[in-house]
Amino acid sequence: MSAARYGLIEAGGTKFVLGVADEARTIFARERIPTTTPAETLGAAVEWFAAQGAAYAAFGIASFGPLDLDPASPGYGCVRATPKPHWSGASLIDPFLERFGVPVAIDTDVNGAALSEALWGAGAGLGSVLYLTIGTGIGGGFCSDGQLLRGLSHPEMGHIRMPRHPEDLDFAGTCPFHGDCLEGLACGPAVIARWGKSLSELPEGHPGKRIIAWYIGRALATFQTVMEPARIVLGGGVTGTEGLLDLIRAEALAANGGYTVGKIDELIVPPGLGDNAGLLGALALALRSIP
C-alpha cells in the first residue's frame, strides 16, 4: 500500500506554491501559480490537486494573513481585513473541503515555517524557534516545544512600532494601517517606494541596505528580549540580498547590548529547509490535523 498523500499550499501575496507529499517529506509534485483573485487562484489550485490523481488524507495551508483562526468563528479559515485587493473575507479552506472532503488545516505562512524549521530545519532539537520573513510583507511565528504562539489570533510581528533611522526620517512608510511600522519601513514595497529598486538592485555603497538592516536588527533585538528563542530564522526575498544577513547580525548585536542569554548574532540564520520551509510547514499542519 502506498503512503498517504497530503496536499500542501503555501499561499503568498504574489504566488501560491502547491505540493503533494507524504509523511516522510518526499515532495512528489510541485506547482506555482500567481495570486490573482480568490476565485481564480483557489479554483486553479483545486484543479491542479485534482489532476494529480492522489487520494489525499488531508490538506495543509500556510497562508499570508491576517487570518481568522478561531475554529468557533463562522469566518474560520478566511482572510481578515487585508490591503490585498479582493481577498478580505475570502475562505481559503472551503474550496478544498467541498472538493475533497478531507481535513484542511490552516495557519499563517510564518507559523507554518516556524513549525517546520523547529521540527526538521535550523531549529530541530533546540526547543524554540523564531521565524521571520521579510518580503512583500513582514511576519513572524514562534514555536516553543512544538507549540505555536497564539493569543486571540496569530502574532502580527511585522506591525510593531519602530524607532526611525536618522537618515530615514522623511519616509512615511507603506503600511496602510500604521504607516511606519516594521513592515511599512522594511518590506520589499517599502524599499521600492523610497529608492525605486529592490534592495538587491541598489548600487554598491547605497545607504538602503544599511538602513533596512538597522530596522530588522532592532526588531530582532526586541523579539529576542521578549521570547529568547534558541534560533532566529530569517526568510523572504529581502533577506536573500547579498551581504544583508551579516549586516542584520551586527545591527541586532548592537541593539541587544549583550543583555539576553543567547548571543543574538550567533542565533540568526537562514532557513535550514531552504525554499521548502513554507511548503513543509503546510505538511506539518496537515499531519497535525489527522487524529
C-alpha atoms as a PDB file:
ATOM      1  CA  MET A   1       0.000   0.000   0.000  1.00  0.00           C
ATOM      2  CA  SER A   2       1.399   3.396  -0.940  1.00  0.00           C
ATOM      3  CA  ALA A   3       1.942   6.018   1.758  1.00  0.00           C
ATOM      4  CA  ALA A   4      -0.787   8.577   2.385  1.00  0.00           C
ATOM      5  CA  ARG A   5      -0.548  11.750   0.319  1.00  0.00           C
ATOM      6  CA  TYR A   6      -1.044  15.275   1.624  1.00  0.00           C
ATOM      7  CA  GLY A   7      -1.989  18.391  -0.314  1.00  0.00           C
ATOM      8  CA  LEU A   8       0.220  21.332   0.570  1.00  0.00           C
ATOM      9  CA  ILE A   9      -0.410  25.020  -0.091  1.00  0.00           C
ATOM     10  CA  GLU A  10       1.965  27.871   0.662  1.00  0.00           C
ATOM     11  CA  ALA A  11      -0.279  30.844  -0.061  1.00  0.00           C
ATOM     12  CA  GLY A  12       1.636  34.054  -0.634  1.00  0.00           C
ATOM     13  CA  GLY A  13       0.698  37.553  -1.650  1.00  0.00           C
ATOM     14  CA  THR A  14       2.231  37.163  -5.115  1.00  0.00           C
ATOM     15  CA  LYS A  15       2.167  33.393  -5.680  1.00  0.00           C
ATOM     16  CA  PHE A  16       0.720  30.138  -4.395  1.00  0.00           C
ATOM     17  CA  VAL A  17       3.122  27.197  -4.171  1.00  0.00           C
ATOM     18  CA  LEU A  18       1.309  23.839  -4.339  1.00  0.00           C
ATOM     19  CA  GLY A  19       2.732  20.447  -3.497  1.00  0.00           C
ATOM     20  CA  VAL A  20       1.909  16.790  -2.906  1.00  0.00           C
ATOM     21  CA  ALA A  21       3.964  14.976  -0.282  1.00  0.00           C
ATOM     22  CA  ASP A  22       3.970  12.041   2.097  1.00  0.00           C
ATOM     23  CA  GLU A  23       4.718  11.886   5.822  1.00  0.00           C
ATOM     24  CA  ALA A  24       8.405  11.290   5.098  1.00  0.00           C
ATOM     25  CA  ARG A  25       8.562  14.795   3.498  1.00  0.00           C
ATOM     26  CA  THR A  26       9.040  13.453  -0.015  1.00  0.00           C
ATOM     27  CA  ILE A  27       7.545  16.034  -2.376  1.00  0.00           C
ATOM     28  CA  PHE A  28       6.182  14.199  -5.427  1.00  0.00           C
ATOM     29  CA  ALA A  29       4.790  17.169  -7.344  1.00  0.00           C
ATOM     30  CA  ARG A  30       5.044  20.924  -7.126  1.00  0.00           C
ATOM     31  CA  GLU A  31       3.448  23.844  -8.940  1.00  0.00           C
ATOM     32  CA  ARG A  32       3.497  27.629  -8.694  1.00  0.00           C
ATOM     33  CA  ILE A  33       0.536  29.779  -9.673  1.00  0.00           C
ATOM     34  CA  PRO A  34       0.114  33.561  -9.456  1.00  0.00           C
ATOM     35  CA  THR A  35      -2.026  35.101  -6.726  1.00  0.00           C
ATOM     36  CA  THR A  36      -4.788  36.962  -8.538  1.00  0.00           C
ATOM     37  CA  THR A  37      -8.408  36.855  -7.320  1.00  0.00           C
ATOM     38  CA  PRO A  38      -9.625  34.259  -4.810  1.00  0.00           C
ATOM     39  CA  ALA A  39     -11.932  32.557  -7.325  1.00  0.00           C
ATOM     40  CA  GLU A  40      -9.251  32.298  -9.980  1.00  0.00           C
ATOM     41  CA  THR A  41      -6.352  31.328  -7.714  1.00  0.00           C
ATOM     42  CA  LEU A  42      -8.177  28.875  -5.470  1.00  0.00           C
ATOM     43  CA  GLY A  43     -10.022  27.402  -8.443  1.00  0.00           C
ATOM     44  CA  ALA A  44      -6.732  26.764 -10.253  1.00  0.00           C
ATOM     45  CA  ALA A  45      -5.269  25.207  -7.093  1.00  0.00           C
ATOM     46  CA  VAL A  46      -8.209  22.839  -6.650  1.00  0.00           C
ATOM     47  CA  GLU A  47      -7.999  21.712 -10.279  1.00  0.00           C
ATOM     48  CA  TRP A  48      -4.249  21.135 -10.033  1.00  0.00           C
ATOM     49  CA  PHE A  49      -4.646  18.933  -6.963  1.00  0.00           C
ATOM     50  CA  ALA A  50      -7.466  17.005  -8.619  1.00  0.00           C
ATOM     51  CA  ALA A  51      -5.290  16.402 -11.683  1.00  0.00           C
ATOM     52  CA  GLN A  52      -2.573  14.753  -9.576  1.00  0.00           C
ATOM     53  CA  GLY A  53      -4.813  11.724  -9.042  1.00  0.00           C
ATOM     54  CA  ALA A  54      -3.922  11.344  -5.361  1.00  0.00           C
ATOM     55  CA  ALA A  55      -6.254  10.162  -2.607  1.00  0.00           C
ATOM     56  CA  TYR A  56      -5.487  12.897  -0.106  1.00  0.00           C
ATOM     57  CA  ALA A  57      -5.506  12.215   3.626  1.00  0.00           C
ATOM     58  CA  ALA A  58      -5.557  15.935   4.471  1.00  0.00           C
ATOM     59  CA  PHE A  59      -4.588  19.377   3.239  1.00  0.00           C
ATOM     60  CA  GLY A  60      -2.345  21.897   4.943  1.00  0.00           C
ATOM     61  CA  ILE A  61      -2.481  25.609   4.138  1.00  0.00           C
ATOM     62  CA  ALA A  62       0.232  28.010   5.294  1.00  0.00           C
ATOM     63  CA  SER A  63      -1.048  31.391   4.176  1.00  0.00           C
ATOM     64  CA  PHE A  64      -0.468  35.114   4.144  1.00  0.00           C
ATOM     65  CA  GLY A  65      -2.708  36.871   6.616  1.00  0.00           C
ATOM     66  CA  PRO A  66      -4.269  38.155   8.625  1.00  0.00           C
ATOM     67  CA  LEU A  67      -6.406  35.042   9.102  1.00  0.00           C
ATOM     68  CA  ASP A  68      -9.393  34.045  11.211  1.00  0.00           C
ATOM     69  CA  LEU A  69      -8.030  31.025  13.095  1.00  0.00           C
ATOM     70  CA  ASP A  70     -10.788  30.616  15.689  1.00  0.00           C
ATOM     71  CA  PRO A  71     -12.468  27.251  14.943  1.00  0.00           C
ATOM     72  CA  ALA A  72     -15.647  28.501  16.638  1.00  0.00           C
ATOM     73  CA  SER A  73     -15.879  31.541  14.352  1.00  0.00           C
ATOM     74  CA  PRO A  74     -18.162  31.490  11.286  1.00  0.00           C
ATOM     75  CA  GLY A  75     -15.242  33.032   9.417  1.00  0.00           C
ATOM     76  CA  TYR A  76     -12.746  30.327  10.370  1.00  0.00           C
ATOM     77  CA  GLY A  77     -10.196  29.861   7.594  1.00  0.00           C
ATOM     78  CA  CYS A  78     -10.960  33.223   5.983  1.00  0.00           C
ATOM     79  CA  VAL A  79      -8.626  36.109   5.281  1.00  0.00           C
ATOM     80  CA  ARG A  80      -9.413  39.029   7.558  1.00  0.00           C
ATOM     81  CA  ALA A  81      -9.140  42.704   6.547  1.00  0.00           C
ATOM     82  CA  THR A  82      -6.114  42.982   4.260  1.00  0.00           C
ATOM     83  CA  PRO A  83      -4.745  45.614   1.889  1.00  0.00           C
ATOM     84  CA  LYS A  84      -4.539  42.905  -0.795  1.00  0.00           C
ATOM     85  CA  PRO A  85      -7.407  43.608  -3.225  1.00  0.00           C
ATOM     86  CA  HIS A  86     -10.303  41.089  -3.346  1.00  0.00           C
ATOM     87  CA  TRP A  87      -9.010  38.827  -0.544  1.00  0.00           C
ATOM     88  CA  SER A  88     -10.669  40.280   2.566  1.00  0.00           C
ATOM     89  CA  GLY A  89     -13.240  37.721   3.725  1.00  0.00           C
ATOM     90  CA  ALA A  90     -12.174  35.019   1.241  1.00  0.00           C
ATOM     91  CA  SER A  91     -12.293  31.468   2.589  1.00  0.00           C
ATOM     92  CA  LEU A  92      -9.109  29.534   1.954  1.00  0.00           C
ATOM     93  CA  ILE A  93     -10.425  26.237   3.270  1.00  0.00           C
ATOM     94  CA  ASP A  94     -13.937  25.905   1.796  1.00  0.00           C
ATOM     95  CA  PRO A  95     -12.900  25.079  -1.803  1.00  0.00           C
ATOM     96  CA  PHE A  96     -10.775  22.147  -0.599  1.00  0.00           C
ATOM     97  CA  LEU A  97     -13.342  20.903   1.921  1.00  0.00           C
ATOM     98  CA  GLU A  98     -16.038  20.959  -0.742  1.00  0.00           C
ATOM     99  CA  ARG A  99     -13.973  19.244  -3.455  1.00  0.00           C
ATOM    100  CA  PHE A 100     -12.017  16.655  -1.467  1.00  0.00           C
ATOM    101  CA  GLY A 101     -13.948  16.138   1.795  1.00  0.00           C
ATOM    102  CA  VAL A 102     -10.859  15.617   3.977  1.00  0.00           C
ATOM    103  CA  PRO A 103      -9.449  17.635   6.908  1.00  0.00           C
ATOM    104  CA  VAL A 104      -7.982  21.032   5.961  1.00  0.00           C
ATOM    105  CA  ALA A 105      -5.562  22.581   8.465  1.00  0.00           C
ATOM    106  CA  ILE A 106      -4.646  26.249   8.203  1.00  0.00           C
ATOM    107  CA  ASP A 107      -2.280  28.694   9.851  1.00  0.00           C
ATOM    108  CA  THR A 108      -0.164  31.625   8.793  1.00  0.00           C
ATOM    109  CA  ASP A 109       2.736  31.052   6.428  1.00  0.00           C
ATOM    110  CA  VAL A 110       5.204  32.191   9.082  1.00  0.00           C
ATOM    111  CA  ASN A 111       3.700  29.931  11.749  1.00  0.00           C
ATOM    112  CA  GLY A 112       3.938  27.033   9.310  1.00  0.00           C
ATOM    113  CA  ALA A 113       7.558  27.861   8.535  1.00  0.00           C
ATOM    114  CA  ALA A 114       8.373  28.263  12.236  1.00  0.00           C
ATOM    115  CA  LEU A 115       6.899  24.825  12.887  1.00  0.00           C
ATOM    116  CA  SER A 116       8.732  23.110  10.028  1.00  0.00           C
ATOM    117  CA  GLU A 117      12.047  24.748  10.953  1.00  0.00           C
ATOM    118  CA  ALA A 118      11.534  23.683  14.580  1.00  0.00           C
ATOM    119  CA  LEU A 119      10.716  20.090  13.623  1.00  0.00           C
ATOM    120  CA  TRP A 120      13.075  19.450  10.723  1.00  0.00           C
ATOM    121  CA  GLY A 121      15.173  22.525   9.937  1.00  0.00           C
ATOM    122  CA  ALA A 122      17.507  25.052  11.549  1.00  0.00           C
ATOM    123  CA  GLY A 123      15.860  24.728  14.957  1.00  0.00           C
ATOM    124  CA  ALA A 124      15.496  20.943  15.142  1.00  0.00           C
ATOM    125  CA  GLY A 125      16.256  19.728  18.659  1.00  0.00           C
ATOM    126  CA  LEU A 126      16.751  23.235  20.086  1.00  0.00           C
ATOM    127  CA  GLY A 127      13.351  23.710  21.709  1.00  0.00           C
ATOM    128  CA  SER A 128      12.374  27.128  20.330  1.00  0.00           C
ATOM    129  CA  VAL A 129      12.477  28.941  17.004  1.00  0.00           C
ATOM    130  CA  LEU A 130      11.506  32.430  15.881  1.00  0.00           C
ATOM    131  CA  TYR A 131      10.849  32.591  12.139  1.00  0.00           C
ATOM    132  CA  LEU A 132      10.633  35.988  10.484  1.00  0.00           C
ATOM    133  CA  THR A 133      10.008  36.594   6.797  1.00  0.00           C
ATOM    134  CA  ILE A 134      10.850  39.875   5.079  1.00  0.00           C
ATOM    135  CA  GLY A 135       9.407  40.082   1.579  1.00  0.00           C
ATOM    136  CA  THR A 136       6.252  41.615   0.127  1.00  0.00           C
ATOM    137  CA  GLY A 137       5.173  41.886   3.772  1.00  0.00           C
ATOM    138  CA  ILE A 138       6.783  41.089   7.111  1.00  0.00           C
ATOM    139  CA  GLY A 139       5.511  38.485   9.533  1.00  0.00           C
ATOM    140  CA  GLY A 140       6.785  36.233  12.269  1.00  0.00           C
ATOM    141  CA  GLY A 141       5.954  32.983  14.011  1.00  0.00           C
ATOM    142  CA  PHE A 142       7.318  31.498  17.234  1.00  0.00           C
ATOM    143  CA  CYS A 143       7.408  27.790  18.076  1.00  0.00           C
ATOM    144  CA  SER A 144       8.340  26.541  21.552  1.00  0.00           C
ATOM    145  CA  ASP A 145       8.387  22.849  22.478  1.00  0.00           C
ATOM    146  CA  GLY A 146       6.346  22.085  19.372  1.00  0.00           C
ATOM    147  CA  GLN A 147       3.621  24.630  20.161  1.00  0.00           C
ATOM    148  CA  LEU A 148       2.942  27.763  18.119  1.00  0.00           C
ATOM    149  CA  LEU A 149       2.415  31.108  19.829  1.00  0.00           C
ATOM    150  CA  ARG A 150      -1.240  32.107  19.649  1.00  0.00           C
ATOM    151  CA  GLY A 151      -3.409  34.583  21.534  1.00  0.00           C
ATOM    152  CA  LEU A 152      -6.808  35.895  20.427  1.00  0.00           C
ATOM    153  CA  SER A 153      -5.342  35.477  16.956  1.00  0.00           C
ATOM    154  CA  HIS A 154      -1.923  34.858  15.455  1.00  0.00           C
ATOM    155  CA  PRO A 155       1.021  37.217  16.100  1.00  0.00           C
ATOM    156  CA  GLU A 156       1.482  40.212  13.789  1.00  0.00           C
ATOM    157  CA  MET A 157       5.187  40.795  14.340  1.00  0.00           C
ATOM    158  CA  GLY A 158       5.571  42.899  11.223  1.00  0.00           C
ATOM    159  CA  HIS A 159       3.420  45.630  12.734  1.00  0.00           C
ATOM    160  CA  ILE A 160       5.475  46.554  15.789  1.00  0.00           C
ATOM    161  CA  ARG A 161       6.333  50.248  16.052  1.00  0.00           C
ATOM    162  CA  MET A 162       9.933  51.153  15.268  1.00  0.00           C
ATOM    163  CA  PRO A 163      12.390  53.931  16.068  1.00  0.00           C
ATOM    164  CA  ARG A 164      13.411  55.878  12.980  1.00  0.00           C
ATOM    165  CA  HIS A 165      16.826  55.667  11.411  1.00  0.00           C
ATOM    166  CA  PRO A 166      18.340  59.160  11.456  1.00  0.00           C
ATOM    167  CA  GLU A 167      18.840  59.075   7.666  1.00  0.00           C
ATOM    168  CA  ASP A 168      15.258  57.934   7.035  1.00  0.00           C
ATOM    169  CA  LEU A 169      13.100  60.422   8.908  1.00  0.00           C
ATOM    170  CA  ASP A 170      11.144  61.740   5.936  1.00  0.00           C
ATOM    171  CA  PHE A 171       9.719  58.436   4.685  1.00  0.00           C
ATOM    172  CA  ALA A 172       6.104  57.982   5.823  1.00  0.00           C
ATOM    173  CA  GLY A 173       6.053  54.175   5.455  1.00  0.00           C
ATOM    174  CA  THR A 174       3.862  51.988   3.276  1.00  0.00           C
ATOM    175  CA  CYS A 175       1.624  50.202   5.783  1.00  0.00           C
ATOM    176  CA  PRO A 176      -1.991  51.307   5.178  1.00  0.00           C
ATOM    177  CA  PHE A 177      -2.788  50.723   8.851  1.00  0.00           C
ATOM    178  CA  HIS A 178       0.253  52.092  10.707  1.00  0.00           C
ATOM    179  CA  GLY A 179       2.466  53.902   8.203  1.00  0.00           C
ATOM    180  CA  ASP A 180       5.943  53.401   9.632  1.00  0.00           C
ATOM    181  CA  CYS A 181       5.671  50.087  11.490  1.00  0.00           C
ATOM    182  CA  LEU A 182       8.365  47.478  10.781  1.00  0.00           C
ATOM    183  CA  GLU A 183       6.548  46.250   7.663  1.00  0.00           C
ATOM    184  CA  GLY A 184       5.891  49.785   6.488  1.00  0.00           C
ATOM    185  CA  LEU A 185       9.596  50.589   6.722  1.00  0.00           C
ATOM    186  CA  ALA A 186      11.451  47.418   5.758  1.00  0.00           C
ATOM    187  CA  CYS A 187       9.326  45.250   3.441  1.00  0.00           C
ATOM    188  CA  GLY A 188      10.085  44.930  -0.261  1.00  0.00           C
ATOM    189  CA  PRO A 189       7.494  47.515  -1.414  1.00  0.00           C
ATOM    190  CA  ALA A 190       8.812  49.993   1.178  1.00  0.00           C
ATOM    191  CA  VAL A 191      12.301  49.656  -0.298  1.00  0.00           C
ATOM    192  CA  ILE A 192      10.985  50.285  -3.821  1.00  0.00           C
ATOM    193  CA  ALA A 193       8.826  53.215  -2.647  1.00  0.00           C
ATOM    194  CA  ARG A 194      11.937  55.001  -1.352  1.00  0.00           C
ATOM    195  CA  TRP A 195      14.597  54.110  -3.870  1.00  0.00           C
ATOM    196  CA  GLY A 196      12.807  52.826  -6.980  1.00  0.00           C
ATOM    197  CA  LYS A 197      14.529  49.424  -6.956  1.00  0.00           C
ATOM    198  CA  SER A 198      14.654  46.272  -4.869  1.00  0.00           C
ATOM    199  CA  LEU A 199      17.370  46.052  -2.242  1.00  0.00           C
ATOM    200  CA  SER A 200      19.449  43.649  -4.350  1.00  0.00           C
ATOM    201  CA  GLU A 201      19.321  46.054  -7.312  1.00  0.00           C
ATOM    202  CA  LEU A 202      20.683  49.070  -5.437  1.00  0.00           C
ATOM    203  CA  PRO A 203      24.251  50.045  -6.352  1.00  0.00           C
ATOM    204  CA  GLU A 204      27.263  49.301  -4.168  1.00  0.00           C
ATOM    205  CA  GLY A 205      27.541  51.796  -1.332  1.00  0.00           C
ATOM    206  CA  HIS A 206      23.880  52.826  -1.429  1.00  0.00           C
ATOM    207  CA  PRO A 207      22.618  53.509   2.124  1.00  0.00           C
ATOM    208  CA  GLY A 208      19.445  51.450   1.610  1.00  0.00           C
ATOM    209  CA  LYS A 209      20.941  48.124   2.614  1.00  0.00           C
ATOM    210  CA  ARG A 210      22.403  49.587   5.817  1.00  0.00           C
ATOM    211  CA  ILE A 211      19.103  51.312   6.727  1.00  0.00           C
ATOM    212  CA  ILE A 212      16.987  48.183   6.211  1.00  0.00           C
ATOM    213  CA  ALA A 213      19.478  46.094   8.241  1.00  0.00           C
ATOM    214  CA  TRP A 214      19.219  48.702  11.029  1.00  0.00           C
ATOM    215  CA  TYR A 215      15.439  48.284  11.227  1.00  0.00           C
ATOM    216  CA  ILE A 216      15.467  44.500  11.065  1.00  0.00           C
ATOM    217  CA  GLY A 217      18.289  44.207  13.579  1.00  0.00           C
ATOM    218  CA  ARG A 218      16.419  46.331  16.101  1.00  0.00           C
ATOM    219  CA  ALA A 219      13.231  44.378  15.587  1.00  0.00           C
ATOM    220  CA  LEU A 220      15.098  41.123  16.212  1.00  0.00           C
ATOM    221  CA  ALA A 221      16.612  42.539  19.389  1.00  0.00           C
ATOM    222  CA  THR A 222      13.085  43.340  20.583  1.00  0.00           C
ATOM    223  CA  PHE A 223      11.788  39.853  19.762  1.00  0.00           C
ATOM    224  CA  GLN A 224      14.834  38.291  21.416  1.00  0.00           C
ATOM    225  CA  THR A 225      14.146  40.188  24.627  1.00  0.00           C
ATOM    226  CA  VAL A 226      10.507  39.092  24.646  1.00  0.00           C
ATOM    227  CA  MET A 227      10.866  35.426  23.621  1.00  0.00           C
ATOM    228  CA  GLU A 228      14.512  34.331  23.998  1.00  0.00           C
ATOM    229  CA  PRO A 229      14.401  31.906  21.046  1.00  0.00           C
ATOM    230  CA  ALA A 230      17.185  29.371  20.680  1.00  0.00           C
ATOM    231  CA  ARG A 231      17.293  30.119  16.945  1.00  0.00           C
ATOM    232  CA  ILE A 232      16.165  33.058  14.792  1.00  0.00           C
ATOM    233  CA  VAL A 233      15.467  32.061  11.185  1.00  0.00           C
ATOM    234  CA  LEU A 234      15.168  34.779   8.537  1.00  0.00           C
ATOM    235  CA  GLY A 235      13.356  34.046   5.279  1.00  0.00           C
ATOM    236  CA  GLY A 236      11.791  36.038   2.470  1.00  0.00           C
ATOM    237  CA  GLY A 237      13.119  37.691  -0.655  1.00  0.00           C
ATOM    238  CA  VAL A 238      14.567  40.792   1.020  1.00  0.00           C
ATOM    239  CA  THR A 239      16.824  38.755   3.331  1.00  0.00           C
ATOM    240  CA  GLY A 240      18.292  36.986   0.301  1.00  0.00           C
ATOM    241  CA  THR A 241      20.102  40.222  -0.638  1.00  0.00           C
ATOM    242  CA  GLU A 242      23.843  39.607  -0.730  1.00  0.00           C
ATOM    243  CA  GLY A 243      25.556  40.708   2.473  1.00  0.00           C
ATOM    244  CA  LEU A 244      22.351  41.720   4.255  1.00  0.00           C
ATOM    245  CA  LEU A 245      22.343  38.864   6.771  1.00  0.00           C
ATOM    246  CA  ASP A 246      25.748  39.875   8.161  1.00  0.00           C
ATOM    247  CA  LEU A 247      24.630  43.496   8.437  1.00  0.00           C
ATOM    248  CA  ILE A 248      21.479  42.399  10.284  1.00  0.00           C
ATOM    249  CA  ARG A 249      23.550  40.296  12.709  1.00  0.00           C
ATOM    250  CA  ALA A 250      25.781  43.261  13.505  1.00  0.00           C
ATOM    251  CA  GLU A 251      22.843  45.626  13.986  1.00  0.00           C
ATOM    252  CA  ALA A 252      20.979  43.129  16.180  1.00  0.00           C
ATOM    253  CA  LEU A 253      24.054  42.643  18.349  1.00  0.00           C
ATOM    254  CA  ALA A 254      24.498  46.395  18.760  1.00  0.00           C
ATOM    255  CA  ALA A 255      20.819  46.893  19.624  1.00  0.00           C
ATOM    256  CA  ASN A 256      20.725  43.950  22.037  1.00  0.00           C
ATOM    257  CA  GLY A 257      23.705  45.251  24.014  1.00  0.00           C
ATOM    258  CA  GLY A 258      24.576  41.796  25.341  1.00  0.00           C
ATOM    259  CA  TYR A 259      21.514  41.761  27.597  1.00  0.00           C
ATOM    260  CA  THR A 260      19.852  38.439  26.713  1.00  0.00           C
ATOM    261  CA  VAL A 261      21.050  34.887  27.347  1.00  0.00           C
ATOM    262  CA  GLY A 262      21.605  33.979  23.711  1.00  0.00           C
ATOM    263  CA  LYS A 263      24.327  35.849  21.786  1.00  0.00           C
ATOM    264  CA  ILE A 264      21.912  37.171  19.207  1.00  0.00           C
ATOM    265  CA  ASP A 265      24.248  37.459  16.227  1.00  0.00           C
ATOM    266  CA  GLU A 266      25.089  33.752  16.534  1.00  0.00           C
ATOM    267  CA  LEU A 267      21.399  32.773  16.604  1.00  0.00           C
ATOM    268  CA  ILE A 268      20.408  34.435  13.319  1.00  0.00           C
ATOM    269  CA  VAL A 269      20.462  32.001  10.384  1.00  0.00           C
ATOM    270  CA  PRO A 270      18.767  31.431   7.000  1.00  0.00           C
ATOM    271  CA  PRO A 271      16.121  28.684   6.729  1.00  0.00           C
ATOM    272  CA  GLY A 272      17.553  25.217   7.197  1.00  0.00           C
ATOM    273  CA  LEU A 273      14.869  23.884   4.842  1.00  0.00           C
ATOM    274  CA  GLY A 274      15.629  26.491   2.182  1.00  0.00           C
ATOM    275  CA  ASP A 275      12.766  27.183  -0.193  1.00  0.00           C
ATOM    276  CA  ASN A 276      10.818  24.235   1.253  1.00  0.00           C
ATOM    277  CA  ALA A 277      10.257  25.810   4.690  1.00  0.00           C
ATOM    278  CA  GLY A 278       6.780  27.108   3.792  1.00  0.00           C
ATOM    279  CA  LEU A 279       5.613  24.036   1.910  1.00  0.00           C
ATOM    280  CA  LEU A 280       6.836  21.698   4.641  1.00  0.00           C
ATOM    281  CA  GLY A 281       5.127  23.971   7.142  1.00  0.00           C
ATOM    282  CA  ALA A 282       1.888  23.168   5.335  1.00  0.00           C
ATOM    283  CA  LEU A 283       2.781  19.469   5.656  1.00  0.00           C
ATOM    284  CA  ALA A 284       3.379  19.829   9.397  1.00  0.00           C
ATOM    285  CA  LEU A 285      -0.049  21.451   9.753  1.00  0.00           C
ATOM    286  CA  ALA A 286      -1.698  18.717   7.668  1.00  0.00           C
ATOM    287  CA  LEU A 287      -0.101  15.951   9.724  1.00  0.00           C
ATOM    288  CA  ARG A 288      -1.401  17.543  12.926  1.00  0.00           C
ATOM    289  CA  SER A 289      -4.946  17.516  11.564  1.00  0.00           C
ATOM    290  CA  ILE A 290      -5.041  13.699  11.462  1.00  0.00           C
ATOM    291  CA  PRO A 291      -6.345  12.158  14.740  1.00  0.00           C
END
